[in-house]
Amino acid sequence: ESGGGLVQPGGSLRLSCAPSGSIFSFNLMGWYRQAPGKERESVAGIT
């Protein structure tokens, strides 16, 4: 996993995730996020 960083409000970032194994072998791929003091939450997924 890579692509994080510091950006100003309104800016853009692109995260990447490269698995060992075909992306088509997974029922779901995506991202969760967790901010300090908050619950982990699902952000996006793709089947």
ModelCIF file with pLDDT and N, C-alpha, C, O atoms, coordinates in Angstrom:
data_MODEL
#
_entry.id   MODEL 
#
_entity.id                         1 
_entity.type                       polymer 
_entity.pdbx_number_of_molecules   1 
#
_entity_poly.entity_id                      1 
_entity_poly.type                           'polypeptide(L)' 
_entity_poly.nstd_linkage                   no 
_entity_poly.nstd_monomer                   no 
_entity_poly.pdbx_seq_one_letter_code       ESGGGLVQPGGSLRLSCAPSGSIFSFNLMGWYRQAPGKERESVAGIT 
_entity_poly.pdbx_seq_one_letter_code_can   ESGGGLVQPGGSLRLSCAPSGSIFSFNLMGWYRQAPGKERESVAGIT 
_entity_poly.pdbx_strand_id                 A 
#
loop_
_entity_poly_seq.entity_id 
_entity_poly_seq.num 
_entity_poly_seq.mon_id 
_entity_poly_seq.hetero 
1 1  GLU n 
1 2  SER n 
1 3  GLY n 
1 4  GLY n 
1 5  GLY n 
1 6  LEU n 
1 7  VAL n 
1 8  GLN n 
1 9  PRO n 
1 10 GLY n 
1 11 GLY n 
1 12 SER n 
1 13 LEU n 
1 14 ARG n 
1 15 LEU n 
1 16 SER n 
1 17 CYS n 
1 18 ALA n 
1 19 PRO n 
1 20 SER n 
1 21 GLY n 
1 22 SER n 
1 23 ILE n 
1 24 PHE n 
1 25 SER n 
1 26 PHE n 
1 27 ASN n 
1 28 LEU n 
1 29 MET n 
1 30 GLY n 
1 31 TRP n 
1 32 TYR n 
1 33 ARG n 
1 34 GLN n 
1 35 ALA n 
1 36 PRO n 
1 37 GLY n 
1 38 LYS n 
1 39 GLU n 
1 40 ARG n 
1 41 GLU n 
1 42 SER n 
1 43 VAL n 
1 44 ALA n 
1 45 GLY n 
1 46 ILE n 
1 47 THR n 
#
_struct_asym.id          A 
_struct_asym.entity_id   1 
#
loop_
_ma_qa_metric.id 
_ma_qa_metric.mode 
_ma_qa_metric.name 
_ma_qa_metric.software_group_id 
_ma_qa_metric.type 
1 global pLDDT . pLDDT 
2 local  pLDDT . pLDDT 
#
_ma_qa_metric_global.metric_id      1 
_ma_qa_metric_global.metric_value   96.21 
_ma_qa_metric_global.model_id       1 
_ma_qa_metric_global.ordinal_id     1 
#
loop_
_ma_qa_metric_local.label_asym_id 
_ma_qa_metric_local.label_comp_id 
_ma_qa_metric_local.label_seq_id 
_ma_qa_metric_local.metric_id 
_ma_qa_metric_local.metric_value 
_ma_qa_metric_local.model_id 
_ma_qa_metric_local.ordinal_id 
A GLU 1  2 95.00 1 1  
A SER 2  2 95.00 1 2  
A GLY 3  2 96.00 1 3  
A GLY 4  2 97.00 1 4  
A GLY 5  2 98.00 1 5  
A LEU 6  2 98.00 1 6  
A VAL 7  2 98.00 1 7  
A GLN 8  2 98.00 1 8  
A PRO 9  2 98.00 1 9  
A GLY 10 2 98.00 1 10 
A GLY 11 2 98.00 1 11 
A SER 12 2 98.00 1 12 
A LEU 13 2 98.00 1 13 
A ARG 14 2 98.00 1 14 
A LEU 15 2 98.00 1 15 
A SER 16 2 98.00 1 16 
A CYS 17 2 97.00 1 17 
A ALA 18 2 96.00 1 18 
A PRO 19 2 96.00 1 19 
A SER 20 2 94.00 1 20 
A GLY 21 2 91.00 1 21 
A SER 22 2 93.00 1 22 
A ILE 23 2 93.00 1 23 
A PHE 24 2 91.00 1 24 
A SER 25 2 93.00 1 25 
A PHE 26 2 94.00 1 26 
A ASN 27 2 94.00 1 27 
A LEU 28 2 96.00 1 28 
A MET 29 2 96.00 1 29 
A GLY 30 2 97.00 1 30 
A TRP 31 2 98.00 1 31 
A TYR 32 2 98.00 1 32 
A ARG 33 2 98.00 1 33 
A GLN 34 2 98.00 1 34 
A ALA 35 2 97.00 1 35 
A PRO 36 2 92.00 1 36 
A GLY 37 2 94.00 1 37 
A LYS 38 2 96.00 1 38 
A GLU 39 2 96.00 1 39 
A ARG 40 2 97.00 1 40 
A GLU 41 2 97.00 1 41 
A SER 42 2 97.00 1 42 
A VAL 43 2 98.00 1 43 
A ALA 44 2 98.00 1 44 
A GLY 45 2 98.00 1 45 
A ILE 46 2 96.00 1 46 
A THR 47 2 94.00 1 47 
#
loop_
_atom_site.group_PDB 
_atom_site.id 
_atom_site.type_symbol 
_atom_site.label_atom_id 
_atom_site.label_alt_id 
_atom_site.label_comp_id 
_atom_site.label_asym_id 
_atom_site.label_entity_id 
_atom_site.label_seq_id 
_atom_site.pdbx_PDB_ins_code 
_atom_site.Cartn_x 
_atom_site.Cartn_y 
_atom_site.Cartn_z 
_atom_site.occupancy 
_atom_site.B_iso_or_equiv 
_atom_site.pdbx_formal_charge 
_atom_site.auth_seq_id 
_atom_site.auth_comp_id 
_atom_site.auth_asym_id 
_atom_site.auth_atom_id 
_atom_site.pdbx_PDB_model_num 
ATOM 1   N N  . GLU A 1 1  ? 0.834   -1.184  0.000  1.00 95.00 ? 1  GLU A N  1 
ATOM 2   C CA . GLU A 1 1  ? 0.000   0.000   0.000  1.00 95.00 ? 1  GLU A CA 1 
ATOM 3   C C  . GLU A 1 1  ? 0.878   1.246   0.000  1.00 95.00 ? 1  GLU A C  1 
ATOM 4   O O  . GLU A 1 1  ? 1.892   1.296   0.696  1.00 95.00 ? 1  GLU A O  1 
ATOM 5   N N  . SER A 1 2  ? 0.490   2.248   -0.777 1.00 95.00 ? 2  SER A N  1 
ATOM 6   C CA . SER A 1 2  ? 1.259   3.477   -0.852 1.00 95.00 ? 2  SER A CA 1 
ATOM 7   C C  . SER A 1 2  ? 0.365   4.622   -1.305 1.00 95.00 ? 2  SER A C  1 
ATOM 8   O O  . SER A 1 2  ? -0.785  4.412   -1.693 1.00 95.00 ? 2  SER A O  1 
ATOM 9   N N  . GLY A 1 3  ? 0.904   5.832   -1.252 1.00 96.00 ? 3  GLY A N  1 
ATOM 10  C CA . GLY A 1 3  ? 0.234   6.997   -1.809 1.00 96.00 ? 3  GLY A CA 1 
ATOM 11  C C  . GLY A 1 3  ? -0.193  8.053   -0.818 1.00 96.00 ? 3  GLY A C  1 
ATOM 12  O O  . GLY A 1 3  ? -0.656  9.119   -1.223 1.00 96.00 ? 3  GLY A O  1 
ATOM 13  N N  . GLY A 1 4  ? -0.052  7.791   0.467  1.00 97.00 ? 4  GLY A N  1 
ATOM 14  C CA . GLY A 1 4  ? -0.442  8.777   1.450  1.00 97.00 ? 4  GLY A CA 1 
ATOM 15  C C  . GLY A 1 4  ? 0.502   9.961   1.474  1.00 97.00 ? 4  GLY A C  1 
ATOM 16  O O  . GLY A 1 4  ? 1.561   9.949   0.847  1.00 97.00 ? 4  GLY A O  1 
ATOM 17  N N  . GLY A 1 5  ? 0.098   10.984  2.208  1.00 98.00 ? 5  GLY A N  1 
ATOM 18  C CA . GLY A 1 5  ? 0.918   12.168  2.327  1.00 98.00 ? 5  GLY A CA 1 
ATOM 19  C C  . GLY A 1 5  ? 0.146   13.325  2.905  1.00 98.00 ? 5  GLY A C  1 
ATOM 20  O O  . GLY A 1 5  ? -0.964  13.171  3.414  1.00 98.00 ? 5  GLY A O  1 
ATOM 21  N N  . LEU A 1 6  ? 0.758   14.486  2.815  1.00 98.00 ? 6  LEU A N  1 
ATOM 22  C CA . LEU A 1 6  ? 0.179   15.730  3.306  1.00 98.00 ? 6  LEU A CA 1 
ATOM 23  C C  . LEU A 1 6  ? -0.328  16.545  2.127  1.00 98.00 ? 6  LEU A C  1 
ATOM 24  O O  . LEU A 1 6  ? 0.390   16.757  1.150  1.00 98.00 ? 6  LEU A O  1 
ATOM 25  N N  . VAL A 1 7  ? -1.558  16.995  2.227  1.00 98.00 ? 7  VAL A N  1 
ATOM 26  C CA . VAL A 1 7  ? -2.159  17.775  1.159  1.00 98.00 ? 7  VAL A CA 1 
ATOM 27  C C  . VAL A 1 7  ? -3.047  18.851  1.768  1.00 98.00 ? 7  VAL A C  1 
ATOM 28  O O  . VAL A 1 7  ? -3.601  18.667  2.852  1.00 98.00 ? 7  VAL A O  1 
ATOM 29  N N  . GLN A 1 8  ? -3.179  19.965  1.073  1.00 98.00 ? 8  GLN A N  1 
ATOM 30  C CA . GLN A 1 8  ? -4.046  21.038  1.531  1.00 98.00 ? 8  GLN A CA 1 
ATOM 31  C C  . GLN A 1 8  ? -5.503  20.720  1.246  1.00 98.00 ? 8  GLN A C  1 
ATOM 32  O O  . GLN A 1 8  ? -5.799  19.939  0.341  1.00 98.00 ? 8  GLN A O  1 
ATOM 33  N N  . PRO A 1 9  ? -6.415  21.309  2.000  1.00 98.00 ? 9  PRO A N  1 
ATOM 34  C CA . PRO A 1 9  ? -7.831  21.127  1.684  1.00 98.00 ? 9  PRO A CA 1 
ATOM 35  C C  . PRO A 1 9  ? -8.124  21.472  0.233  1.00 98.00 ? 9  PRO A C  1 
ATOM 36  O O  . PRO A 1 9  ? -7.630  22.465  -0.301 1.00 98.00 ? 9  PRO A O  1 
ATOM 37  N N  . GLY A 1 10 ? -8.932  20.636  -0.389 1.00 98.00 ? 10 GLY A N  1 
ATOM 38  C CA . GLY A 1 10 ? -9.228  20.786  -1.797 1.00 98.00 ? 10 GLY A CA 1 
ATOM 39  C C  . GLY A 1 10 ? -8.280  20.060  -2.719 1.00 98.00 ? 10 GLY A C  1 
ATOM 40  O O  . GLY A 1 10 ? -8.531  19.967  -3.921 1.00 98.00 ? 10 GLY A O  1 
ATOM 41  N N  . GLY A 1 11 ? -7.195  19.547  -2.177 1.00 98.00 ? 11 GLY A N  1 
ATOM 42  C CA . GLY A 1 11 ? -6.221  18.843  -2.974 1.00 98.00 ? 11 GLY A CA 1 
ATOM 43  C C  . GLY A 1 11 ? -6.599  17.403  -3.234 1.00 98.00 ? 11 GLY A C  1 
ATOM 44  O O  . GLY A 1 11 ? -7.684  16.948  -2.869 1.00 98.00 ? 11 GLY A O  1 
ATOM 45  N N  . SER A 1 12 ? -5.676  16.687  -3.877 1.00 98.00 ? 12 SER A N  1 
ATOM 46  C CA . SER A 1 12 ? -5.923  15.314  -4.294 1.00 98.00 ? 12 SER A CA 1 
ATOM 47  C C  . SER A 1 12 ? -4.758  14.416  -3.934 1.00 98.00 ? 12 SER A C  1 
ATOM 48  O O  . SER A 1 12 ? -3.609  14.853  -3.870 1.00 98.00 ? 12 SER A O  1 
ATOM 49  N N  . LEU A 1 13 ? -5.072  13.164  -3.703 1.00 98.00 ? 13 LEU A N  1 
ATOM 50  C CA . LEU A 1 13 ? -4.100  12.105  -3.529 1.00 98.00 ? 13 LEU A CA 1 
ATOM 51  C C  . LEU A 1 13 ? -4.632  10.851  -4.190 1.00 98.00 ? 13 LEU A C  1 
ATOM 52  O O  . LEU A 1 13 ? -5.841  10.686  -4.354 1.00 98.00 ? 13 LEU A O  1 
ATOM 53  N N  . ARG A 1 14 ? -3.724  9.973   -4.568 1.00 98.00 ? 14 ARG A N  1 
ATOM 54  C CA . ARG A 1 14 ? -4.110  8.683   -5.098 1.00 98.00 ? 14 ARG A CA 1 
ATOM 55  C C  . ARG A 1 14 ? -3.408  7.590   -4.311 1.00 98.00 ? 14 ARG A C  1 
ATOM 56  O O  . ARG A 1 14 ? -2.179  7.532   -4.263 1.00 98.00 ? 14 ARG A O  1 
ATOM 57  N N  . LEU A 1 15 ? -4.193  6.734   -3.701 1.00 98.00 ? 15 LEU A N  1 
ATOM 58  C CA . LEU A 1 15 ? -3.674  5.591   -2.979 1.00 98.00 ? 15 LEU A CA 1 
ATOM 59  C C  . LEU A 1 15 ? -3.659  4.375   -3.894 1.00 98.00 ? 15 LEU A C  1 
ATOM 60  O O  . LEU A 1 15 ? -4.515  4.226   -4.766 1.00 98.00 ? 15 LEU A O  1 
ATOM 61  N N  . SER A 1 16 ? -2.684  3.518   -3.685 1.00 98.00 ? 16 SER A N  1 
ATOM 62  C CA . SER A 1 16 ? -2.604  2.293   -4.463 1.00 98.00 ? 16 SER A CA 1 
ATOM 63  C C  . SER A 1 16 ? -2.460  1.097   -3.540 1.00 98.00 ? 16 SER A C  1 
ATOM 64  O O  . SER A 1 16 ? -1.918  1.202   -2.439 1.00 98.00 ? 16 SER A O  1 
ATOM 65  N N  . CYS A 1 17 ? -2.947  -0.021  -3.998 1.00 97.00 ? 17 CYS A N  1 
ATOM 66  C CA . CYS A 1 17 ? -2.853  -1.268  -3.255 1.00 97.00 ? 17 CYS A CA 1 
ATOM 67  C C  . CYS A 1 17 ? -2.610  -2.392  -4.239 1.00 97.00 ? 17 CYS A C  1 
ATOM 68  O O  . CYS A 1 17 ? -3.435  -2.658  -5.113 1.00 97.00 ? 17 CYS A O  1 
ATOM 69  N N  . ALA A 1 18 ? -1.474  -3.047  -4.092 1.00 96.00 ? 18 ALA A N  1 
ATOM 70  C CA . ALA A 1 18 ? -1.084  -4.131  -4.986 1.00 96.00 ? 18 ALA A CA 1 
ATOM 71  C C  . ALA A 1 18 ? -1.031  -5.428  -4.201 1.00 96.00 ? 18 ALA A C  1 
ATOM 72  O O  . ALA A 1 18 ? -0.166  -5.592  -3.340 1.00 96.00 ? 18 ALA A O  1 
ATOM 73  N N  . PRO A 1 19 ? -1.929  -6.340  -4.476 1.00 96.00 ? 19 PRO A N  1 
ATOM 74  C CA . PRO A 1 19 ? -1.938  -7.598  -3.742 1.00 96.00 ? 19 PRO A CA 1 
ATOM 75  C C  . PRO A 1 19 ? -1.072  -8.666  -4.389 1.00 96.00 ? 19 PRO A C  1 
ATOM 76  O O  . PRO A 1 19 ? -0.804  -8.632  -5.589 1.00 96.00 ? 19 PRO A O  1 
ATOM 77  N N  . SER A 1 20 ? -0.644  -9.608  -3.570 1.00 94.00 ? 20 SER A N  1 
ATOM 78  C CA . SER A 1 20 ? -0.045  -10.823 -4.090 1.00 94.00 ? 20 SER A CA 1 
ATOM 79  C C  . SER A 1 20 ? -1.187  -11.769 -4.424 1.00 94.00 ? 20 SER A C  1 
ATOM 80  O O  . SER A 1 20 ? -1.792  -12.372 -3.538 1.00 94.00 ? 20 SER A O  1 
ATOM 81  N N  . GLY A 1 21 ? -1.463  -11.887 -5.672 1.00 91.00 ? 21 GLY A N  1 
ATOM 82  C CA . GLY A 1 21 ? -2.619  -12.623 -6.139 1.00 91.00 ? 21 GLY A CA 1 
ATOM 83  C C  . GLY A 1 21 ? -3.438  -11.742 -7.055 1.00 91.00 ? 21 GLY A C  1 
ATOM 84  O O  . GLY A 1 21 ? -3.409  -10.516 -6.950 1.00 91.00 ? 21 GLY A O  1 
ATOM 85  N N  . SER A 1 22 ? -4.159  -12.367 -7.942 1.00 93.00 ? 22 SER A N  1 
ATOM 86  C CA . SER A 1 22 ? -4.940  -11.623 -8.920 1.00 93.00 ? 22 SER A CA 1 
ATOM 87  C C  . SER A 1 22 ? -6.028  -10.809 -8.244 1.00 93.00 ? 22 SER A C  1 
ATOM 88  O O  . SER A 1 22 ? -6.693  -11.286 -7.324 1.00 93.00 ? 22 SER A O  1 
ATOM 89  N N  . ILE A 1 23 ? -6.205  -9.583  -8.703 1.00 93.00 ? 23 ILE A N  1 
ATOM 90  C CA . ILE A 1 23 ? -7.282  -8.752  -8.178 1.00 93.00 ? 23 ILE A CA 1 
ATOM 91  C C  . ILE A 1 23 ? -8.645  -9.374  -8.452 1.00 93.00 ? 23 ILE A C  1 
ATOM 92  O O  . ILE A 1 23 ? -9.618  -9.065  -7.766 1.00 93.00 ? 23 ILE A O  1 
ATOM 93  N N  . PHE A 1 24 ? -8.719  -10.241 -9.442 1.00 91.00 ? 24 PHE A N  1 
ATOM 94  C CA . PHE A 1 24 ? -9.989  -10.878 -9.768 1.00 91.00 ? 24 PHE A CA 1 
ATOM 95  C C  . PHE A 1 24 ? -10.310 -12.056 -8.864 1.00 91.00 ? 24 PHE A C  1 
ATOM 96  O O  . PHE A 1 24 ? -11.416 -12.595 -8.907 1.00 91.00 ? 24 PHE A O  1 
ATOM 97  N N  . SER A 1 25 ? -9.345  -12.455 -8.046 1.00 93.00 ? 25 SER A N  1 
ATOM 98  C CA . SER A 1 25 ? -9.574  -13.570 -7.146 1.00 93.00 ? 25 SER A CA 1 
ATOM 99  C C  . SER A 1 25 ? -10.250 -13.149 -5.852 1.00 93.00 ? 25 SER A C  1 
ATOM 100 O O  . SER A 1 25 ? -10.589 -14.001 -5.030 1.00 93.00 ? 25 SER A O  1 
ATOM 101 N N  . PHE A 1 26 ? -10.452 -11.860 -5.657 1.00 94.00 ? 26 PHE A N  1 
ATOM 102 C CA . PHE A 1 26 ? -11.011 -11.352 -4.418 1.00 94.00 ? 26 PHE A CA 1 
ATOM 103 C C  . PHE A 1 26 ? -12.468 -10.954 -4.597 1.00 94.00 ? 26 PHE A C  1 
ATOM 104 O O  . PHE A 1 26 ? -12.852 -10.369 -5.610 1.00 94.00 ? 26 PHE A O  1 
ATOM 105 N N  . ASN A 1 27 ? -13.255 -11.281 -3.607 1.00 94.00 ? 27 ASN A N  1 
ATOM 106 C CA . ASN A 1 27 ? -14.642 -10.848 -3.609 1.00 94.00 ? 27 ASN A CA 1 
ATOM 107 C C  . ASN A 1 27 ? -14.750 -9.334  -3.504 1.00 94.00 ? 27 ASN A C  1 
ATOM 108 O O  . ASN A 1 27 ? -15.649 -8.721  -4.079 1.00 94.00 ? 27 ASN A O  1 
ATOM 109 N N  . LEU A 1 28 ? -13.817 -8.737  -2.758 1.00 96.00 ? 28 LEU A N  1 
ATOM 110 C CA . LEU A 1 28 ? -13.868 -7.311  -2.498 1.00 96.00 ? 28 LEU A CA 1 
ATOM 111 C C  . LEU A 1 28 ? -12.473 -6.785  -2.227 1.00 96.00 ? 28 LEU A C  1 
ATOM 112 O O  . LEU A 1 28 ? -11.677 -7.426  -1.541 1.00 96.00 ? 28 LEU A O  1 
ATOM 113 N N  . MET A 1 29 ? -12.184 -5.621  -2.768 1.00 96.00 ? 29 MET A N  1 
ATOM 114 C CA . MET A 1 29 ? -10.990 -4.861  -2.435 1.00 96.00 ? 29 MET A CA 1 
ATOM 115 C C  . MET A 1 29 ? -11.415 -3.441  -2.127 1.00 96.00 ? 29 MET A C  1 
ATOM 116 O O  . MET A 1 29 ? -12.401 -2.945  -2.671 1.00 96.00 ? 29 MET A O  1 
ATOM 117 N N  . GLY A 1 30 ? -10.667 -2.789  -1.250 1.00 97.00 ? 30 GLY A N  1 
ATOM 118 C CA . GLY A 1 30 ? -11.006 -1.417  -0.954 1.00 97.00 ? 30 GLY A CA 1 
ATOM 119 C C  . GLY A 1 30 ? -10.183 -0.857  0.183  1.00 97.00 ? 30 GLY A C  1 
ATOM 120 O O  . GLY A 1 30 ? -9.101  -1.351  0.501  1.00 97.00 ? 30 GLY A O  1 
ATOM 121 N N  . TRP A 1 31 ? -10.726 0.193   0.793  1.00 98.00 ? 31 TRP A N  1 
ATOM 122 C CA . TRP A 1 31 ? -10.042 0.882   1.885  1.00 98.00 ? 31 TRP A CA 1 
ATOM 123 C C  . TRP A 1 31 ? -10.967 1.145   3.050  1.00 98.00 ? 31 TRP A C  1 
ATOM 124 O O  . TRP A 1 31 ? -12.138 1.488   2.881  1.00 98.00 ? 31 TRP A O  1 
ATOM 125 N N  . TYR A 1 32 ? -10.419 0.977   4.229  1.00 98.00 ? 32 TYR A N  1 
ATOM 126 C CA . TYR A 1 32 ? -10.960 1.517   5.452  1.00 98.00 ? 32 TYR A CA 1 
ATOM 127 C C  . TYR A 1 32 ? -10.045 2.642   5.922  1.00 98.00 ? 32 TYR A C  1 
ATOM 128 O O  . TYR A 1 32 ? -8.894  2.744   5.497  1.00 98.00 ? 32 TYR A O  1 
ATOM 129 N N  . ARG A 1 33 ? -10.570 3.475   6.795  1.00 98.00 ? 33 ARG A N  1 
ATOM 130 C CA . ARG A 1 33 ? -9.741  4.505   7.398  1.00 98.00 ? 33 ARG A CA 1 
ATOM 131 C C  . ARG A 1 33 ? -10.075 4.628   8.872  1.00 98.00 ? 33 ARG A C  1 
ATOM 132 O O  . ARG A 1 33 ? -11.178 4.304   9.313  1.00 98.00 ? 33 ARG A O  1 
ATOM 133 N N  . GLN A 1 34 ? -9.098  5.102   9.615  1.00 98.00 ? 34 GLN A N  1 
ATOM 134 C CA . GLN A 1 34 ? -9.280  5.301   11.039 1.00 98.00 ? 34 GLN A CA 1 
ATOM 135 C C  . GLN A 1 34 ? -8.575  6.580   11.463 1.00 98.00 ? 34 GLN A C  1 
ATOM 136 O O  . GLN A 1 34 ? -7.361  6.719   11.310 1.00 98.00 ? 34 GLN A O  1 
ATOM 137 N N  . ALA A 1 35 ? -9.347  7.499   11.990 1.00 97.00 ? 35 ALA A N  1 
ATOM 138 C CA . ALA A 1 35 ? -8.817  8.735   12.539 1.00 97.00 ? 35 ALA A CA 1 
ATOM 139 C C  . ALA A 1 35 ? -8.621  8.568   14.034 1.00 97.00 ? 35 ALA A C  1 
ATOM 140 O O  . ALA A 1 35 ? -9.277  7.729   14.652 1.00 97.00 ? 35 ALA A O  1 
ATOM 141 N N  . PRO A 1 36 ? -7.729  9.353   14.628 1.00 92.00 ? 36 PRO A N  1 
ATOM 142 C CA . PRO A 1 36 ? -7.493  9.230   16.070 1.00 92.00 ? 36 PRO A CA 1 
ATOM 143 C C  . PRO A 1 36 ? -8.776  9.390   16.865 1.00 92.00 ? 36 PRO A C  1 
ATOM 144 O O  . PRO A 1 36 ? -9.531  10.341  16.666 1.00 92.00 ? 36 PRO A O  1 
ATOM 145 N N  . GLY A 1 37 ? -9.012  8.453   17.764 1.00 94.00 ? 37 GLY A N  1 
ATOM 146 C CA . GLY A 1 37 ? -10.174 8.508   18.623 1.00 94.00 ? 37 GLY A CA 1 
ATOM 147 C C  . GLY A 1 37 ? -11.482 8.132   17.966 1.00 94.00 ? 37 GLY A C  1 
ATOM 148 O O  . GLY A 1 37 ? -12.538 8.246   18.589 1.00 94.00 ? 37 GLY A O  1 
ATOM 149 N N  . LYS A 1 38 ? -11.440 7.688   16.729 1.00 96.00 ? 38 LYS A N  1 
ATOM 150 C CA . LYS A 1 38 ? -12.658 7.351   16.013 1.00 96.00 ? 38 LYS A CA 1 
ATOM 151 C C  . LYS A 1 38 ? -12.663 5.892   15.599 1.00 96.00 ? 38 LYS A C  1 
ATOM 152 O O  . LYS A 1 38 ? -11.626 5.230   15.560 1.00 96.00 ? 38 LYS A O  1 
ATOM 153 N N  . GLU A 1 39 ? -13.847 5.414   15.294 1.00 96.00 ? 39 GLU A N  1 
ATOM 154 C CA . GLU A 1 39 ? -14.000 4.046   14.824 1.00 96.00 ? 39 GLU A CA 1 
ATOM 155 C C  . GLU A 1 39 ? -13.460 3.906   13.408 1.00 96.00 ? 39 GLU A C  1 
ATOM 156 O O  . GLU A 1 39 ? -13.486 4.850   12.619 1.00 96.00 ? 39 GLU A O  1 
ATOM 157 N N  . ARG A 1 40 ? -12.974 2.723   13.108 1.00 97.00 ? 40 ARG A N  1 
ATOM 158 C CA . ARG A 1 40 ? -12.596 2.414   11.744 1.00 97.00 ? 40 ARG A CA 1 
ATOM 159 C C  . ARG A 1 40 ? -13.842 2.386   10.867 1.00 97.00 ? 40 ARG A C  1 
ATOM 160 O O  . ARG A 1 40 ? -14.870 1.829   11.253 1.00 97.00 ? 40 ARG A O  1 
ATOM 161 N N  . GLU A 1 41 ? -13.745 2.981   9.703  1.00 97.00 ? 41 GLU A N  1 
ATOM 162 C CA . GLU A 1 41 ? -14.886 3.041   8.817  1.00 97.00 ? 41 GLU A CA 1 
ATOM 163 C C  . GLU A 1 41 ? -14.499 2.652   7.402  1.00 97.00 ? 41 GLU A C  1 
ATOM 164 O O  . GLU A 1 41 ? -13.387 2.911   6.943  1.00 97.00 ? 41 GLU A O  1 
ATOM 165 N N  . SER A 1 42 ? -15.434 2.032   6.737  1.00 97.00 ? 42 SER A N  1 
ATOM 166 C CA . SER A 1 42 ? -15.246 1.694   5.341  1.00 97.00 ? 42 SER A CA 1 
ATOM 167 C C  . SER A 1 42 ? -15.340 2.956   4.491  1.00 97.00 ? 42 SER A C  1 
ATOM 168 O O  . SER A 1 42 ? -16.209 3.800   4.708  1.00 97.00 ? 42 SER A O  1 
ATOM 169 N N  . VAL A 1 43 ? -14.440 3.074   3.526  1.00 98.00 ? 43 VAL A N  1 
ATOM 170 C CA . VAL A 1 43 ? -14.397 4.233   2.642  1.00 98.00 ? 43 VAL A CA 1 
ATOM 171 C C  . VAL A 1 43 ? -14.926 3.891   1.261  1.00 98.00 ? 43 VAL A C  1 
ATOM 172 O O  . VAL A 1 43 ? -15.830 4.557   0.755  1.00 98.00 ? 43 VAL A O  1 
ATOM 173 N N  . ALA A 1 44 ? -14.372 2.867   0.657  1.00 98.00 ? 44 ALA A N  1 
ATOM 174 C CA . ALA A 1 44 ? -14.740 2.488   -0.696 1.00 98.00 ? 44 ALA A CA 1 
ATOM 175 C C  . ALA A 1 44 ? -14.367 1.042   -0.932 1.00 98.00 ? 44 ALA A C  1 
ATOM 176 O O  . ALA A 1 44 ? -13.431 0.525   -0.322 1.00 98.00 ? 44 ALA A O  1 
ATOM 177 N N  . GLY A 1 45 ? -15.092 0.397   -1.811 1.00 98.00 ? 45 GLY A N  1 
ATOM 178 C CA . GLY A 1 45 ? -14.795 -0.970  -2.162 1.00 98.00 ? 45 GLY A CA 1 
ATOM 179 C C  . GLY A 1 45 ? -15.178 -1.262  -3.592 1.00 98.00 ? 45 GLY A C  1 
ATOM 180 O O  . GLY A 1 45 ? -16.005 -0.570  -4.185 1.00 98.00 ? 45 GLY A O  1 
ATOM 181 N N  . ILE A 1 46 ? -14.562 -2.299  -4.139 1.00 96.00 ? 46 ILE A N  1 
ATOM 182 C CA . ILE A 1 46 ? -14.883 -2.746  -5.486 1.00 96.00 ? 46 ILE A CA 1 
ATOM 183 C C  . ILE A 1 46 ? -14.858 -4.261  -5.495 1.00 96.00 ? 46 ILE A C  1 
ATOM 184 O O  . ILE A 1 46 ? -13.934 -4.879  -4.966 1.00 96.00 ? 46 ILE A O  1 
ATOM 185 N N  . THR A 1 47 ? -15.870 -4.855  -6.094 1.00 94.00 ? 47 THR A N  1 
ATOM 186 C CA . THR A 1 47 ? -15.972 -6.304  -6.141 1.00 94.00 ? 47 THR A CA 1 
ATOM 187 C C  . THR A 1 47 ? -15.113 -6.863  -7.258 1.00 94.00 ? 47 THR A C  1 
ATOM 188 O O  . THR A 1 47 ? -15.069 -8.078  -7.455 1.00 94.00 ? 47 THR A O  1 
#
